[in-house]
Amino acid sequence: MELYKRGSRGEMVRQIQKALNLYPDGIYGVITEEAVKSFQMRNGLKPDGIVGPATLAKLIPARWKRSKRTITEIIIHCTATPEGRDHTIYEIRKWHTDPPPKGNGWSDIGYHYVVYRNGHVEEGRDVDIIGAHCTNHNTHSIGICYVGGTDAKGKPKDTRTLSQKAALLNILNELKKLYPNAKIYGHHDFEPGKACPCFDARKEYKDL
């Protein structure tokens, strides 16, 4: 699991800085480190200035809206895009909303959450609205998609970065608090012909 410390850069650092009411320049410097230490001391954590899972959980608490729908399934997907290539929620929404043959012609992005390669989580379709991500399993489910899922040649591969793995674990923990009876699946558990999400989600998250 990735640790954020002096010298770290990127979107997750900006999220940390925002939570600390610092200027979000995305660069983990001395000021950010000192602010983290102060936060850790106030919250009974080891004041080492390093943001690991325990500090992150307290620093950026649950911010996910609870759906008015009855949720029994949380389904993990991948974008089926090459390893190392970034894509934004705006691109994915365009893939889903553009008319055929370029897109799916849907009213909105099919997923409720998208996890970027740097661990940043974007909210997609409102959780109160039925998704469009898994045939016959949309009504009572939440769809989460991580960016990636294939190698350079387009073959299925678990391309999750450490940041994505940490982000997925964090959001799944929070969603399980909102929907304690929901079970976690991979897309391929319902559509065997698909490789998505290119890892065994049921096995990996069986203890959540």
Protein backbone atom coordinates (compact mmCIF):
# COMPACT_ATOMS: atom_id res chain seq x y z
CA MET A 1 0.00 0.00 0.00
CA GLU A 2 1.42 3.38 -1.01
CA LEU A 3 2.63 5.83 1.64
CA TYR A 4 2.57 9.58 1.11
CA LYS A 5 5.54 11.46 2.51
CA ARG A 6 8.00 14.27 1.80
CA GLY A 7 8.78 14.18 -1.91
CA SER A 8 5.46 12.60 -2.95
CA ARG A 9 3.51 14.35 -5.68
CA GLY A 10 0.17 14.07 -7.38
CA GLU A 11 -3.59 14.18 -6.98
CA MET A 12 -3.66 12.24 -3.72
CA VAL A 13 -1.23 14.72 -2.16
CA ARG A 14 -3.58 17.52 -3.24
CA GLN A 15 -6.48 15.74 -1.52
CA ILE A 16 -4.40 15.44 1.65
CA GLN A 17 -3.48 19.11 1.52
CA LYS A 18 -7.12 20.13 1.04
CA ALA A 19 -8.11 18.06 4.08
CA LEU A 20 -5.42 19.91 6.08
CA ASN A 21 -6.59 23.31 4.77
CA LEU A 22 -3.28 23.85 2.98
CA TYR A 23 -2.69 25.24 -0.47
CA PRO A 24 -3.15 22.16 -2.73
CA ASP A 25 -0.10 22.31 -4.96
CA GLY A 26 0.27 18.51 -5.04
CA ILE A 27 3.83 18.60 -3.66
CA TYR A 28 4.46 16.96 -0.27
CA GLY A 29 6.98 19.36 1.27
CA VAL A 30 8.01 20.48 4.75
CA ILE A 31 4.80 22.44 5.41
CA THR A 32 2.61 19.47 4.50
CA GLU A 33 4.76 17.14 6.60
CA GLU A 34 4.48 19.39 9.66
CA ALA A 35 0.72 19.73 9.20
CA VAL A 36 0.41 15.94 8.98
CA LYS A 37 2.44 15.50 12.19
CA SER A 38 0.20 17.96 13.99
CA PHE A 39 -2.90 16.17 12.73
CA GLN A 40 -1.50 12.81 13.80
CA MET A 41 -0.74 14.07 17.32
CA ARG A 42 -4.28 15.41 17.70
CA ASN A 43 -5.74 12.08 16.59
CA GLY A 44 -3.63 9.68 18.65
CA LEU A 45 -1.54 8.51 15.70
CA LYS A 46 2.23 8.12 15.46
CA PRO A 47 3.45 11.63 14.51
CA ASP A 48 5.87 10.57 11.79
CA GLY A 49 4.60 12.94 9.09
CA ILE A 50 3.84 10.00 6.78
CA VAL A 51 0.32 9.42 5.51
CA GLY A 52 -0.37 5.70 5.55
CA PRO A 53 -3.72 3.85 5.69
CA ALA A 54 -4.53 4.76 9.32
CA THR A 55 -3.79 8.46 8.87
CA LEU A 56 -5.56 8.59 5.51
CA ALA A 57 -8.71 7.01 6.96
CA LYS A 58 -8.96 9.74 9.61
CA LEU A 59 -7.76 12.56 7.39
CA ILE A 60 -10.21 11.90 4.54
CA PRO A 61 -13.21 10.27 6.22
CA ALA A 62 -16.18 8.73 4.48
CA ARG A 63 -17.61 11.12 1.92
CA TRP A 64 -19.75 8.69 -0.01
CA LYS A 65 -23.47 9.23 -0.31
CA ARG A 66 -25.75 6.38 0.71
CA SER A 67 -28.07 5.30 -2.09
CA LYS A 68 -31.83 5.34 -1.62
CA ARG A 69 -31.87 2.08 -3.58
CA THR A 70 -31.50 -1.29 -1.87
CA ILE A 71 -27.91 -2.31 -2.61
CA THR A 72 -27.02 -6.01 -2.48
CA GLU A 73 -24.02 -6.09 -4.84
CA ILE A 74 -20.88 -4.02 -5.29
CA ILE A 75 -19.38 -4.86 -8.69
CA ILE A 76 -15.76 -4.09 -9.67
CA HIS A 77 -14.84 -3.28 -13.27
CA CYS A 78 -11.86 -2.08 -15.29
CA THR A 79 -11.82 0.28 -18.28
CA ALA A 80 -10.03 -2.38 -20.38
CA THR A 81 -7.41 0.20 -21.36
CA PRO A 82 -3.61 -0.32 -21.58
CA GLU A 83 -1.39 -0.36 -18.53
CA GLY A 84 0.19 3.00 -17.76
CA ARG A 85 -2.35 5.04 -19.70
CA ASP A 86 -4.47 7.59 -17.85
CA HIS A 87 -8.12 8.26 -18.66
CA THR A 88 -10.47 10.69 -16.97
CA ILE A 89 -14.07 10.33 -15.94
CA TYR A 90 -14.93 12.84 -18.66
CA GLU A 91 -13.47 10.55 -21.33
CA ILE A 92 -15.27 7.52 -19.94
CA ARG A 93 -18.54 9.45 -19.76
CA LYS A 94 -18.08 10.39 -23.42
CA TRP A 95 -17.48 6.74 -24.35
CA HIS A 96 -20.74 5.85 -22.68
CA THR A 97 -22.89 8.77 -23.84
CA ASP A 98 -21.75 9.27 -27.42
CA PRO A 99 -24.23 7.76 -29.91
CA PRO A 100 -23.34 4.46 -31.62
CA PRO A 101 -21.15 3.37 -33.25
CA LYS A 102 -18.59 5.49 -31.36
CA GLY A 103 -20.29 5.18 -27.98
CA ASN A 104 -23.04 3.37 -26.11
CA GLY A 105 -25.66 6.10 -26.38
CA TRP A 106 -26.43 6.00 -22.64
CA SER A 107 -27.78 8.94 -20.63
CA ASP A 108 -24.67 9.12 -18.42
CA ILE A 109 -21.53 7.23 -17.43
CA GLY A 110 -22.44 3.68 -16.45
CA TYR A 111 -20.30 3.47 -13.28
CA HIS A 112 -20.93 5.11 -9.94
CA TYR A 113 -17.23 5.51 -9.09
CA VAL A 114 -14.01 5.59 -11.11
CA VAL A 115 -10.57 5.01 -9.57
CA TYR A 116 -7.69 6.75 -11.33
CA ARG A 117 -4.19 5.32 -11.55
CA ASN A 118 -2.98 7.77 -8.89
CA GLY A 119 -5.64 6.59 -6.44
CA HIS A 120 -8.00 9.53 -6.87
CA VAL A 121 -11.66 8.47 -6.82
CA GLU A 122 -14.18 10.33 -8.97
CA GLU A 123 -17.94 10.04 -8.51
CA GLY A 124 -19.78 9.08 -11.69
CA ARG A 125 -23.49 8.36 -12.02
CA ASP A 126 -25.46 9.36 -8.92
CA VAL A 127 -25.80 6.32 -6.62
CA ASP A 128 -29.56 6.90 -6.40
CA ILE A 129 -29.78 6.16 -10.12
CA ILE A 130 -29.51 2.62 -11.48
CA GLY A 131 -26.16 2.10 -13.20
CA ALA A 132 -25.36 0.65 -16.61
CA HIS A 133 -22.43 -1.63 -15.94
CA CYS A 134 -23.56 -5.24 -15.53
CA THR A 135 -26.38 -6.88 -17.47
CA ASN A 136 -29.28 -8.00 -15.21
CA HIS A 137 -27.44 -6.76 -12.10
CA ASN A 138 -27.79 -3.00 -12.27
CA THR A 139 -30.94 -2.44 -10.21
CA HIS A 140 -29.49 -3.30 -6.81
CA SER A 141 -25.79 -2.70 -7.36
CA ILE A 142 -23.02 -0.11 -7.18
CA GLY A 143 -20.49 -0.14 -10.04
CA ILE A 144 -16.84 0.76 -9.40
CA CYS A 145 -14.31 0.92 -12.22
CA TYR A 146 -10.53 1.28 -12.09
CA VAL A 147 -8.59 2.71 -15.02
CA GLY A 148 -6.56 -0.02 -16.73
CA GLY A 149 -7.03 -3.75 -17.16
CA THR A 150 -4.96 -4.72 -20.22
CA ASP A 151 -1.33 -4.96 -21.23
CA ALA A 152 0.14 -3.00 -24.14
CA LYS A 153 -1.25 -5.55 -26.60
CA GLY A 154 -4.77 -5.37 -25.21
CA LYS A 155 -4.65 -8.68 -23.33
CA PRO A 156 -6.33 -8.85 -19.90
CA LYS A 157 -4.00 -7.95 -17.03
CA ASP A 158 -4.40 -6.76 -13.46
CA THR A 159 -2.74 -3.37 -13.92
CA ARG A 160 -3.82 -1.79 -10.62
CA THR A 161 -1.21 0.51 -9.17
CA LEU A 162 -0.50 0.50 -5.44
CA SER A 163 -2.51 3.70 -5.21
CA GLN A 164 -5.47 2.10 -6.96
CA LYS A 165 -5.35 -0.94 -4.69
CA ALA A 166 -5.32 1.32 -1.63
CA ALA A 167 -8.14 3.47 -2.99
CA LEU A 168 -10.28 0.45 -3.88
CA LEU A 169 -9.79 -1.01 -0.42
CA ASN A 170 -10.68 2.30 1.21
CA ILE A 171 -13.86 2.90 -0.76
CA LEU A 172 -14.99 -0.72 -0.41
CA ASN A 173 -14.54 -0.49 3.36
CA GLU A 174 -16.66 2.65 3.40
CA LEU A 175 -19.32 1.22 1.09
CA LYS A 176 -19.61 -1.88 3.25
CA LYS A 177 -20.43 0.41 6.18
CA LEU A 178 -23.21 1.95 4.10
CA TYR A 179 -24.39 -1.40 2.68
CA PRO A 180 -23.38 -4.08 5.21
CA ASN A 181 -25.35 -6.82 3.45
CA ALA A 182 -23.91 -6.13 0.00
CA LYS A 183 -21.47 -8.66 -1.46
CA ILE A 184 -18.46 -7.74 -3.57
CA TYR A 185 -18.04 -9.24 -7.04
CA GLY A 186 -16.01 -8.82 -10.19
CA HIS A 187 -17.83 -8.16 -13.46
CA HIS A 188 -16.74 -11.58 -14.78
CA ASP A 189 -18.62 -13.31 -11.95
CA PHE A 190 -21.85 -12.42 -13.78
CA GLU A 191 -20.56 -12.48 -17.35
CA PRO A 192 -18.10 -15.40 -17.58
CA GLY A 193 -17.03 -14.50 -21.10
CA LYS A 194 -15.47 -11.30 -19.82
CA ALA A 195 -12.08 -10.96 -18.07
CA CYS A 196 -13.09 -7.69 -16.35
CA PRO A 197 -11.83 -6.64 -13.81
CA CYS A 198 -8.86 -8.94 -14.49
CA PHE A 199 -8.44 -10.09 -10.88
CA ASP A 200 -10.50 -12.17 -8.45
CA ALA A 201 -12.41 -9.48 -6.54
CA ARG A 202 -14.49 -11.97 -4.55
CA LYS A 203 -11.35 -13.67 -3.25
CA GLU A 204 -9.37 -10.48 -2.62
CA TYR A 205 -12.16 -8.79 -0.68
CA LYS A 206 -13.75 -11.83 0.95
CA ASP A 207 -12.95 -10.56 4.46
CA LEU A 208 -14.62 -7.17 4.03
